[in-house]
PDB file of N, CA and C in Angstrom:
ATOM      1  N   MET A   1       0.832  -1.178   0.000  1.00  0.00           N
ATOM      2  CA  MET A   1       0.000   0.000   0.000  1.00  0.00           C
ATOM      3  C   MET A   1       0.881   1.247   0.000  1.00  0.00           C
ATOM      4  N   ASN A   2       0.604   2.173  -0.879  1.00  0.00           N
ATOM      5  CA  ASN A   2       1.386   3.396  -1.012  1.00  0.00           C
ATOM      6  C   ASN A   2       0.659   4.547  -0.309  1.00  0.00           C
ATOM      7  N   THR A   3       1.214   5.006   0.816  1.00  0.00           N
ATOM      8  CA  THR A   3       0.596   6.109   1.543  1.00  0.00           C
ATOM      9  C   THR A   3       1.379   7.384   1.294  1.00  0.00           C
ATOM     10  N   ILE A   4       0.668   8.485   1.264  1.00  0.00           N
ATOM     11  CA  ILE A   4       1.295   9.785   1.048  1.00  0.00           C
ATOM     12  C   ILE A   4       1.709  10.349   2.397  1.00  0.00           C
ATOM     13  N   ALA A   5       2.950  10.826   2.505  1.00  0.00           N
ATOM     14  CA  ALA A   5       3.457  11.390   3.751  1.00  0.00           C
ATOM     15  C   ALA A   5       2.611  12.585   4.179  1.00  0.00           C
ATOM     16  N   GLN A   6       2.429  12.716   5.478  1.00  0.00           N
ATOM     17  CA  GLN A   6       1.684  13.827   6.056  1.00  0.00           C
ATOM     18  C   GLN A   6       2.649  14.638   6.914  1.00  0.00           C
ATOM     19  N   TYR A   7       2.469  15.962   6.909  1.00  0.00           N
ATOM     20  CA  TYR A   7       3.405  16.849   7.585  1.00  0.00           C
ATOM     21  C   TYR A   7       2.708  17.832   8.514  1.00  0.00           C
ATOM     22  N   TYR A   8       3.407  18.182   9.575  1.00  0.00           N
ATOM     23  CA  TYR A   8       2.976  19.158  10.569  1.00  0.00           C
ATOM     24  C   TYR A   8       3.692  20.471  10.249  1.00  0.00           C
ATOM     25  N   ILE A   9       2.960  21.556  10.167  1.00  0.00           N
ATOM     26  CA  ILE A   9       3.561  22.850   9.838  1.00  0.00           C
ATOM     27  C   ILE A   9       4.183  23.455  11.091  1.00  0.00           C
ATOM     28  N   LEU A  10       5.495  23.680  11.045  1.00  0.00           N
ATOM     29  CA  LEU A  10       6.211  24.336  12.131  1.00  0.00           C
ATOM     30  C   LEU A  10       6.158  25.854  11.974  1.00  0.00           C
ATOM     31  N   ALA A  11       6.253  26.330  10.741  1.00  0.00           N
ATOM     32  CA  ALA A  11       6.202  27.765  10.433  1.00  0.00           C
ATOM     33  C   ALA A  11       5.646  27.918   9.026  1.00  0.00           C
ATOM     34  N   GLY A  12       4.619  28.770   8.899  1.00  0.00           N
ATOM     35  CA  GLY A  12       4.095  29.036   7.566  1.00  0.00           C
ATOM     36  C   GLY A  12       2.628  28.707   7.362  1.00  0.00           C
ATOM     37  N   VAL A  13       1.845  28.640   8.434  1.00  0.00           N
ATOM     38  CA  VAL A  13       0.418  28.340   8.276  1.00  0.00           C
ATOM     39  C   VAL A  13      -0.247  29.405   7.408  1.00  0.00           C
ATOM     40  N   ARG A  14       0.064  30.684   7.627  1.00  0.00           N
ATOM     41  CA  ARG A  14      -0.534  31.750   6.813  1.00  0.00           C
ATOM     42  C   ARG A  14      -0.196  31.583   5.330  1.00  0.00           C
ATOM     43  N   ARG A  15       1.037  31.234   5.047  1.00  0.00           N
ATOM     44  CA  ARG A  15       1.449  31.022   3.654  1.00  0.00           C
ATOM     45  C   ARG A  15       0.711  29.850   3.029  1.00  0.00           C
ATOM     46  N   ALA A  16       0.522  28.789   3.805  1.00  0.00           N
ATOM     47  CA  ALA A  16      -0.199  27.625   3.292  1.00  0.00           C
ATOM     48  C   ALA A  16      -1.675  27.965   3.032  1.00  0.00           C
ATOM     49  N   VAL A  17      -2.285  28.737   3.922  1.00  0.00           N
ATOM     50  CA  VAL A  17      -3.682  29.138   3.724  1.00  0.00           C
ATOM     51  C   VAL A  17      -3.787  30.060   2.506  1.00  0.00           C
ATOM     52  N   ALA A  18      -2.849  30.975   2.349  1.00  0.00           N
ATOM     53  CA  ALA A  18      -2.869  31.865   1.178  1.00  0.00           C
ATOM     54  C   ALA A  18      -2.736  31.058  -0.111  1.00  0.00           C
ATOM     55  N   ALA A  19      -1.872  30.050  -0.110  1.00  0.00           N
ATOM     56  CA  ALA A  19      -1.729  29.188  -1.291  1.00  0.00           C
ATOM     57  C   ALA A  19      -3.030  28.451  -1.571  1.00  0.00           C
ATOM     58  N   ARG A  20      -3.672  27.965  -0.523  1.00  0.00           N
ATOM     59  CA  ARG A  20      -4.966  27.282  -0.683  1.00  0.00           C
ATOM     60  C   ARG A  20      -5.998  28.231  -1.289  1.00  0.00           C
ATOM     61  N   GLU A  21      -6.074  29.444  -0.763  1.00  0.00           N
ATOM     62  CA  GLU A  21      -7.047  30.425  -1.235  1.00  0.00           C
ATOM     63  C   GLU A  21      -6.770  30.860  -2.674  1.00  0.00           C
ATOM     64  N   ALA A  22      -5.501  30.804  -3.084  1.00  0.00           N
ATOM     65  CA  ALA A  22      -5.127  31.173  -4.451  1.00  0.00           C
ATOM     66  C   ALA A  22      -5.353  30.022  -5.427  1.00  0.00           C
ATOM     67  N   GLY A  23      -5.756  28.856  -4.906  1.00  0.00           N
ATOM     68  CA  GLY A  23      -6.037  27.720  -5.775  1.00  0.00           C
ATOM     69  C   GLY A  23      -4.831  26.854  -6.090  1.00  0.00           C
ATOM     70  N   TRP A  24      -3.733  27.051  -5.371  1.00  0.00           N
ATOM     71  CA  TRP A  24      -2.541  26.241  -5.609  1.00  0.00           C
ATOM     72  C   TRP A  24      -2.755  24.826  -5.083  1.00  0.00           C
ATOM     73  N   LYS A  25      -2.044  23.893  -5.655  1.00  0.00           N
ATOM     74  CA  LYS A  25      -2.094  22.495  -5.222  1.00  0.00           C
ATOM     75  C   LYS A  25      -0.901  22.132  -4.336  1.00  0.00           C
ATOM     76  N   ASP A  26       0.201  22.885  -4.481  1.00  0.00           N
ATOM     77  CA  ASP A  26       1.394  22.629  -3.672  1.00  0.00           C
ATOM     78  C   ASP A  26       2.141  23.931  -3.420  1.00  0.00           C
ATOM     79  N   LEU A  27       3.160  23.876  -2.565  1.00  0.00           N
ATOM     80  CA  LEU A  27       3.983  25.043  -2.302  1.00  0.00           C
ATOM     81  C   LEU A  27       5.355  24.598  -1.815  1.00  0.00           C
ATOM     82  N   PRO A  28       6.337  25.529  -1.857  1.00  0.00           N
ATOM     83  CA  PRO A  28       7.687  25.169  -1.426  1.00  0.00           C
ATOM     84  C   PRO A  28       7.727  24.888   0.076  1.00  0.00           C
ATOM     85  N   ALA A  29       8.537  23.915   0.451  1.00  0.00           N
ATOM     86  CA  ALA A  29       8.642  23.550   1.864  1.00  0.00           C
ATOM     87  C   ALA A  29      10.062  23.084   2.187  1.00  0.00           C
ATOM     88  N   ARG A  30      10.396  23.258   3.448  1.00  0.00           N
ATOM     89  CA  ARG A  30      11.673  22.772   3.990  1.00  0.00           C
ATOM     90  C   ARG A  30      11.318  21.725   5.041  1.00  0.00           C
ATOM     91  N   ILE A  31      11.701  20.475   4.784  1.00  0.00           N
ATOM     92  CA  ILE A  31      11.450  19.402   5.750  1.00  0.00           C
ATOM     93  C   ILE A  31      12.585  19.406   6.757  1.00  0.00           C
ATOM     94  N   VAL A  32      12.219  19.564   8.030  1.00  0.00           N
ATOM     95  CA  VAL A  32      13.191  19.657   9.121  1.00  0.00           C
ATOM     96  C   VAL A  32      13.175  18.349   9.897  1.00  0.00           C
ATOM     97  N   GLU A  33      14.359  17.771  10.077  1.00  0.00           N
ATOM     98  CA  GLU A  33      14.494  16.549  10.875  1.00  0.00           C
ATOM     99  C   GLU A  33      15.795  16.646  11.661  1.00  0.00           C
ATOM    100  N   ALA A  34      15.698  16.522  12.975  1.00  0.00           N
ATOM    101  CA  ALA A  34      16.869  16.654  13.845  1.00  0.00           C
ATOM    102  C   ALA A  34      17.971  15.684  13.420  1.00  0.00           C
ATOM    103  N   GLY A  35      19.190  16.208  13.327  1.00  0.00           N
ATOM    104  CA  GLY A  35      20.332  15.377  12.981  1.00  0.00           C
ATOM    105  C   GLY A  35      20.561  15.187  11.493  1.00  0.00           C
ATOM    106  N   TYR A  36      19.696  15.763  10.670  1.00  0.00           N
ATOM    107  CA  TYR A  36      19.813  15.631   9.219  1.00  0.00           C
ATOM    108  C   TYR A  36      19.730  17.016   8.573  1.00  0.00           C
ATOM    109  N   PRO A  37      20.339  17.181   7.400  1.00  0.00           N
ATOM    110  CA  PRO A  37      20.196  18.460   6.698  1.00  0.00           C
ATOM    111  C   PRO A  37      18.743  18.666   6.266  1.00  0.00           C
ATOM    112  N   ASP A  38      18.318  19.913   6.251  1.00  0.00           N
ATOM    113  CA  ASP A  38      16.966  20.221   5.779  1.00  0.00           C
ATOM    114  C   ASP A  38      16.822  19.810   4.317  1.00  0.00           C
ATOM    115  N   VAL A  39      15.622  19.421   3.944  1.00  0.00           N
ATOM    116  CA  VAL A  39      15.328  19.013   2.575  1.00  0.00           C
ATOM    117  C   VAL A  39      14.363  20.027   1.976  1.00  0.00           C
ATOM    118  N   LEU A  40      14.787  20.688   0.894  1.00  0.00           N
ATOM    119  CA  LEU A  40      13.916  21.626   0.192  1.00  0.00           C
ATOM    120  C   LEU A  40      13.135  20.864  -0.867  1.00  0.00           C
ATOM    121  N   THR A  41      11.820  21.054  -0.886  1.00  0.00           N
ATOM    122  CA  THR A  41      10.957  20.316  -1.803  1.00  0.00           C
ATOM    123  C   THR A  41       9.672  21.103  -2.013  1.00  0.00           C
ATOM    124  N   ARG A  42       8.719  20.499  -2.671  1.00  0.00           N
ATOM    125  CA  ARG A  42       7.365  21.034  -2.783  1.00  0.00           C
ATOM    126  C   ARG A  42       6.443  19.978  -2.182  1.00  0.00           C
ATOM    127  N   VAL A  43       5.442  20.416  -1.449  1.00  0.00           N
ATOM    128  CA  VAL A  43       4.494  19.477  -0.854  1.00  0.00           C
ATOM    129  C   VAL A  43       3.079  19.871  -1.240  1.00  0.00           C
ATOM    130  N   GLY A  44       2.242  18.869  -1.387  1.00  0.00           N
ATOM    131  CA  GLY A  44       0.839  19.104  -1.692  1.00  0.00           C
ATOM    132  C   GLY A  44       0.114  19.656  -0.473  1.00  0.00           C
ATOM    133  N   LEU A  45      -0.825  20.543  -0.717  1.00  0.00           N
ATOM    134  CA  LEU A  45      -1.596  21.106   0.388  1.00  0.00           C
ATOM    135  C   LEU A  45      -2.361  20.016   1.140  1.00  0.00           C
ATOM    136  N   ASP A  46      -2.711  18.945   0.448  1.00  0.00           N
ATOM    137  CA  ASP A  46      -3.437  17.853   1.095  1.00  0.00           C
ATOM    138  C   ASP A  46      -2.555  17.031   2.036  1.00  0.00           C
ATOM    139  N   GLN A  47      -1.267  17.341   2.094  1.00  0.00           N
ATOM    140  CA  GLN A  47      -0.341  16.649   2.986  1.00  0.00           C
ATOM    141  C   GLN A  47      -0.069  17.443   4.262  1.00  0.00           C
ATOM    142  N   LEU A  48      -0.616  18.646   4.362  1.00  0.00           N
ATOM    143  CA  LEU A  48      -0.265  19.559   5.447  1.00  0.00           C
ATOM    144  C   LEU A  48      -1.300  19.598   6.559  1.00  0.00           C
ATOM    145  N   HIS A  49      -0.793  19.682   7.787  1.00  0.00           N
ATOM    146  CA  HIS A  49      -1.630  19.784   8.985  1.00  0.00           C
ATOM    147  C   HIS A  49      -1.168  20.992   9.798  1.00  0.00           C
ATOM    148  N   SER A  50      -2.144  21.786  10.228  1.00  0.00           N
ATOM    149  CA  SER A  50      -1.871  23.043  10.918  1.00  0.00           C
ATOM    150  C   SER A  50      -2.113  22.946  12.414  1.00  0.00           C
ATOM    151  N   PRO A  51      -1.218  23.542  13.204  1.00  0.00           N
ATOM    152  CA  PRO A  51      -1.475  23.630  14.642  1.00  0.00           C
ATOM    153  C   PRO A  51      -2.501  24.725  14.963  1.00  0.00           C
ATOM    154  N   LYS A  52      -2.794  25.576  13.987  1.00  0.00           N
ATOM    155  CA  LYS A  52      -3.749  26.674  14.177  1.00  0.00           C
ATOM    156  C   LYS A  52      -5.080  26.326  13.514  1.00  0.00           C
ATOM    157  N   PRO A  53      -6.188  26.450  14.250  1.00  0.00           N
ATOM    158  CA  PRO A  53      -7.490  26.162  13.647  1.00  0.00           C
ATOM    159  C   PRO A  53      -8.001  27.297  12.769  1.00  0.00           C
ATOM    160  N   GLU A  54      -7.412  28.486  12.925  1.00  0.00           N
ATOM    161  CA  GLU A  54      -7.851  29.622  12.124  1.00  0.00           C
ATOM    162  C   GLU A  54      -6.716  30.598  11.892  1.00  0.00           C
ATOM    163  N   VAL A  55      -6.863  31.385  10.831  1.00  0.00           N
ATOM    164  CA  VAL A  55      -5.925  32.451  10.487  1.00  0.00           C
ATOM    165  C   VAL A  55      -6.759  33.725  10.356  1.00  0.00           C
ATOM    166  N   ILE A  56      -6.295  34.770  10.985  1.00  0.00           N
ATOM    167  CA  ILE A  56      -6.998  36.049  10.919  1.00  0.00           C
ATOM    168  C   ILE A  56      -6.581  36.781   9.645  1.00  0.00           C
ATOM    169  N   ARG A  57      -7.558  37.236   8.886  1.00  0.00           N
ATOM    170  CA  ARG A  57      -7.286  37.988   7.645  1.00  0.00           C
ATOM    171  C   ARG A  57      -7.134  39.466   7.995  1.00  0.00           C
ATOM    172  N   ASP A  58      -6.053  39.782   8.692  1.00  0.00           N
ATOM    173  CA  ASP A  58      -5.772  41.147   9.097  1.00  0.00           C
ATOM    174  C   ASP A  58      -4.795  41.803   8.116  1.00  0.00           C
ATOM    175  N   HIS A  59      -4.377  43.035   8.418  1.00  0.00           N
ATOM    176  CA  HIS A  59      -3.475  43.750   7.506  1.00  0.00           C
ATOM    177  C   HIS A  59      -2.177  42.988   7.273  1.00  0.00           C
ATOM    178  N   ARG A  60      -1.678  42.301   8.293  1.00  0.00           N
ATOM    179  CA  ARG A  60      -0.429  41.543   8.155  1.00  0.00           C
ATOM    180  C   ARG A  60      -0.616  40.382   7.170  1.00  0.00           C
ATOM    181  N   TYR A  61      -1.723  39.674   7.284  1.00  0.00           N
ATOM    182  CA  TYR A  61      -2.005  38.566   6.366  1.00  0.00           C
ATOM    183  C   TYR A  61      -2.153  39.091   4.941  1.00  0.00           C
ATOM    184  N   ILE A  62      -2.936  40.151   4.771  1.00  0.00           N
ATOM    185  CA  ILE A  62      -3.190  40.693   3.429  1.00  0.00           C
ATOM    186  C   ILE A  62      -1.903  41.209   2.796  1.00  0.00           C
ATOM    187  N   ARG A  63      -1.170  42.047   3.503  1.00  0.00           N
ATOM    188  CA  ARG A  63       0.027  42.681   2.947  1.00  0.00           C
ATOM    189  C   ARG A  63       1.171  41.696   2.709  1.00  0.00           C
ATOM    190  N   ASN A  64       1.422  40.839   3.680  1.00  0.00           N
ATOM    191  CA  ASN A  64       2.607  39.973   3.600  1.00  0.00           C
ATOM    192  C   ASN A  64       2.365  38.618   2.953  1.00  0.00           C
ATOM    193  N   THR A  65       1.114  38.189   2.897  1.00  0.00           N
ATOM    194  CA  THR A  65       0.849  36.832   2.425  1.00  0.00           C
ATOM    195  C   THR A  65      -0.136  36.778   1.278  1.00  0.00           C
ATOM    196  N   GLU A  66      -1.343  37.280   1.495  1.00  0.00           N
ATOM    197  CA  GLU A  66      -2.388  37.154   0.476  1.00  0.00           C
ATOM    198  C   GLU A  66      -2.068  37.931  -0.798  1.00  0.00           C
ATOM    199  N   TYR A  67      -1.681  39.186  -0.658  1.00  0.00           N
ATOM    200  CA  TYR A  67      -1.439  40.012  -1.843  1.00  0.00           C
ATOM    201  C   TYR A  67      -0.325  39.433  -2.725  1.00  0.00           C
ATOM    202  N   PRO A  68       0.860  39.141  -2.162  1.00  0.00           N
ATOM    203  CA  PRO A  68       1.909  38.587  -3.033  1.00  0.00           C
ATOM    204  C   PRO A  68       1.533  37.233  -3.651  1.00  0.00           C
ATOM    205  N   THR A  69       0.843  36.396  -2.893  1.00  0.00           N
ATOM    206  CA  THR A  69       0.521  35.051  -3.373  1.00  0.00           C
ATOM    207  C   THR A  69      -0.634  35.047  -4.364  1.00  0.00           C
ATOM    208  N   LYS A  70      -1.735  35.680  -3.972  1.00  0.00           N
ATOM    209  CA  LYS A  70      -2.948  35.604  -4.788  1.00  0.00           C
ATOM    210  C   LYS A  70      -2.949  36.634  -5.915  1.00  0.00           C
ATOM    211  N   MET A  71      -2.574  37.859  -5.623  1.00  0.00           N
ATOM    212  CA  MET A  71      -2.670  38.922  -6.620  1.00  0.00           C
ATOM    213  C   MET A  71      -1.462  38.955  -7.561  1.00  0.00           C
ATOM    214  N   LEU A  72      -0.274  38.796  -7.002  1.00  0.00           N
ATOM    215  CA  LEU A  72       0.941  38.848  -7.830  1.00  0.00           C
ATOM    216  C   LEU A  72       1.356  37.473  -8.343  1.00  0.00           C
ATOM    217  N   GLY A  73       0.840  36.417  -7.709  1.00  0.00           N
ATOM    218  CA  GLY A  73       1.180  35.061  -8.134  1.00  0.00           C
ATOM    219  C   GLY A  73       2.604  34.654  -7.828  1.00  0.00           C
ATOM    220  N   THR A  74       3.226  35.317  -6.850  1.00  0.00           N
ATOM    221  CA  THR A  74       4.610  34.984  -6.506  1.00  0.00           C
ATOM    222  C   THR A  74       4.669  33.827  -5.518  1.00  0.00           C
ATOM    223  N   GLN A  75       5.753  33.075  -5.578  1.00  0.00           N
ATOM    224  CA  GLN A  75       5.967  31.968  -4.662  1.00  0.00           C
ATOM    225  C   GLN A  75       6.343  32.510  -3.290  1.00  0.00           C
ATOM    226  N   PRO A  76       5.715  32.015  -2.233  1.00  0.00           N
ATOM    227  CA  PRO A  76       6.118  32.438  -0.894  1.00  0.00           C
ATOM    228  C   PRO A  76       7.418  31.747  -0.501  1.00  0.00           C
ATOM    229  N   PRO A  77       8.089  32.265   0.525  1.00  0.00           N
ATOM    230  CA  PRO A  77       9.243  31.521   1.048  1.00  0.00           C
ATOM    231  C   PRO A  77       8.780  30.139   1.511  1.00  0.00           C
ATOM    232  N   ALA A  78       9.679  29.196   1.518  1.00  0.00           N
ATOM    233  CA  ALA A  78       9.338  27.825   1.920  1.00  0.00           C
ATOM    234  C   ALA A  78       8.795  27.791   3.344  1.00  0.00           C
ATOM    235  N   ILE A  79       7.739  27.001   3.540  1.00  0.00           N
ATOM    236  CA  ILE A  79       7.251  26.777   4.892  1.00  0.00           C
ATOM    237  C   ILE A  79       8.148  25.734   5.543  1.00  0.00           C
ATOM    238  N   GLU A  80       8.142  25.664   6.880  1.00  0.00           N
ATOM    239  CA  GLU A  80       8.925  24.661   7.588  1.00  0.00           C
ATOM    240  C   GLU A  80       7.979  23.592   8.103  1.00  0.00           C
ATOM    241  N   ILE A  81       8.294  22.337   7.812  1.00  0.00           N
ATOM    242  CA  ILE A  81       7.433  21.221   8.183  1.00  0.00           C
ATOM    243  C   ILE A  81       8.256  20.077   8.759  1.00  0.00           C
ATOM    244  N   GLU A  82       7.568  19.183   9.456  1.00  0.00           N
ATOM    245  CA  GLU A  82       8.175  17.932   9.915  1.00  0.00           C
ATOM    246  C   GLU A  82       7.121  16.832   9.794  1.00  0.00           C
ATOM    247  N   GLN A  83       7.573  15.596   9.847  1.00  0.00           N
ATOM    248  CA  GLN A  83       6.651  14.466   9.753  1.00  0.00           C
ATOM    249  C   GLN A  83       5.552  14.602  10.804  1.00  0.00           C
ATOM    250  N   LEU A  84       4.337  14.312  10.433  1.00  0.00           N
ATOM    251  CA  LEU A  84       3.210  14.362  11.353  1.00  0.00           C
ATOM    252  C   LEU A  84       3.309  13.199  12.338  1.00  0.00           C
ATOM    253  N   GLY A  85       3.022  13.480  13.610  1.00  0.00           N
ATOM    254  CA  GLY A  85       2.993  12.432  14.622  1.00  0.00           C
ATOM    255  C   GLY A  85       4.236  12.322  15.484  1.00  0.00           C
ATOM    256  N   LEU A  86       5.181  13.241  15.307  1.00  0.00           N
ATOM    257  CA  LEU A  86       6.389  13.210  16.130  1.00  0.00           C
ATOM    258  C   LEU A  86       6.069  13.716  17.540  1.00  0.00           C
ATOM    259  N   PRO A  87       6.894  13.345  18.535  1.00  0.00           N
ATOM    260  CA  PRO A  87       6.666  13.818  19.899  1.00  0.00           C
ATOM    261  C   PRO A  87       6.682  15.357  19.975  1.00  0.00           C
ATOM    262  N   ASN A  88       5.975  15.886  20.944  1.00  0.00           N
ATOM    263  CA  ASN A  88       5.911  17.324  21.241  1.00  0.00           C
ATOM    264  C   ASN A  88       5.105  18.132  20.236  1.00  0.00           C
ATOM    265  N   GLN A  89       4.414  17.503  19.314  1.00  0.00           N
ATOM    266  CA  GLN A  89       3.511  18.232  18.426  1.00  0.00           C
ATOM    267  C   GLN A  89       2.173  18.377  19.145  1.00  0.00           C
ATOM    268  N   GLY A  90       1.587  19.555  19.007  1.00  0.00           N
ATOM    269  CA  GLY A  90       0.264  19.761  19.572  1.00  0.00           C
ATOM    270  C   GLY A  90      -0.790  19.214  18.634  1.00  0.00           C
ATOM    271  N   PRO A  91      -2.047  19.434  18.985  1.00  0.00           N
ATOM    272  CA  PRO A  91      -3.129  19.012  18.091  1.00  0.00           C
ATOM    273  C   PRO A  91      -3.027  19.742  16.757  1.00  0.00           C
ATOM    274  N   SER A  92      -3.508  19.117  15.702  1.00  0.00           N
ATOM    275  CA  SER A  92      -3.464  19.751  14.383  1.00  0.00           C
ATOM    276  C   SER A  92      -4.681  19.340  13.573  1.00  0.00           C
ATOM    277  N   ILE A  93      -4.943  20.140  12.535  1.00  0.00           N
ATOM    278  CA  ILE A  93      -6.042  19.837  11.615  1.00  0.00           C
ATOM    279  C   ILE A  93      -5.518  19.967  10.193  1.00  0.00           C
ATOM    280  N   PRO A  94      -6.142  19.288   9.235  1.00  0.00           N
ATOM    281  CA  PRO A  94      -5.719  19.439   7.833  1.00  0.00           C
ATOM    282  C   PRO A  94      -5.842  20.902   7.402  1.00  0.00           C
ATOM    283  N   ILE A  95      -4.920  21.356   6.561  1.00  0.00           N
ATOM    284  CA  ILE A  95      -4.915  22.750   6.132  1.00  0.00           C
ATOM    285  C   ILE A  95      -6.230  23.126   5.429  1.00  0.00           C
ATOM    286  N   ALA A  96      -6.888  22.172   4.825  1.00  0.00           N
ATOM    287  CA  ALA A  96      -8.177  22.437   4.159  1.00  0.00           C
ATOM    288  C   ALA A  96      -9.252  22.855   5.163  1.00  0.00           C
ATOM    289  N   GLN A  97      -9.083  22.515   6.438  1.00  0.00           N
ATOM    290  CA  GLN A  97     -10.081  22.840   7.452  1.00  0.00           C
ATOM    291  C   GLN A  97      -9.774  24.119   8.227  1.00  0.00           C
ATOM    292  N   VAL A  98      -8.606  24.722   7.984  1.00  0.00           N
ATOM    293  CA  VAL A  98      -8.256  25.960   8.686  1.00  0.00           C
ATOM    294  C   VAL A  98      -9.193  27.078   8.201  1.00  0.00           C
ATOM    295  N   ILE A  99      -9.778  27.779   9.140  1.00  0.00           N
ATOM    296  CA  ILE A  99     -10.731  28.847   8.838  1.00  0.00           C
ATOM    297  C   ILE A  99      -9.981  30.151   8.632  1.00  0.00           C
ATOM    298  N   LEU A 100     -10.358  30.883   7.591  1.00  0.00           N
ATOM    299  CA  LEU A 100      -9.810  32.219   7.328  1.00  0.00           C
ATOM    300  C   LEU A 100     -10.859  33.227   7.765  1.00  0.00           C
ATOM    301  N   ARG A 101     -10.565  33.977   8.807  1.00  0.00           N
ATOM    302  CA  ARG A 101     -11.509  34.965   9.350  1.00  0.00           C
ATOM    303  C   ARG A 101     -11.136  36.364   8.957  1.00  0.00           C
TER     304      ARG A 101
END
């Protein structure tokens, strides 16, 4: 059975939500694993889990994330992720369920 890896977002929930809202299927990511060099790659939005249940659509989100991603179509900096289910991770939800307020 071939399962798709799932990841916990360490940094970049706003960027992932902006990519989702812009209709993207994937975005740049840096996989972080203790004792190993970071791996730069692209990950599907369906592989991401957020520690935040919601993102506020405030001036910071609009100016720094939504406008460059959705309006200009530019790639955001890579988000930081790690394998889902590692110790010390809090609760998380799939990025598709994160509410944009």
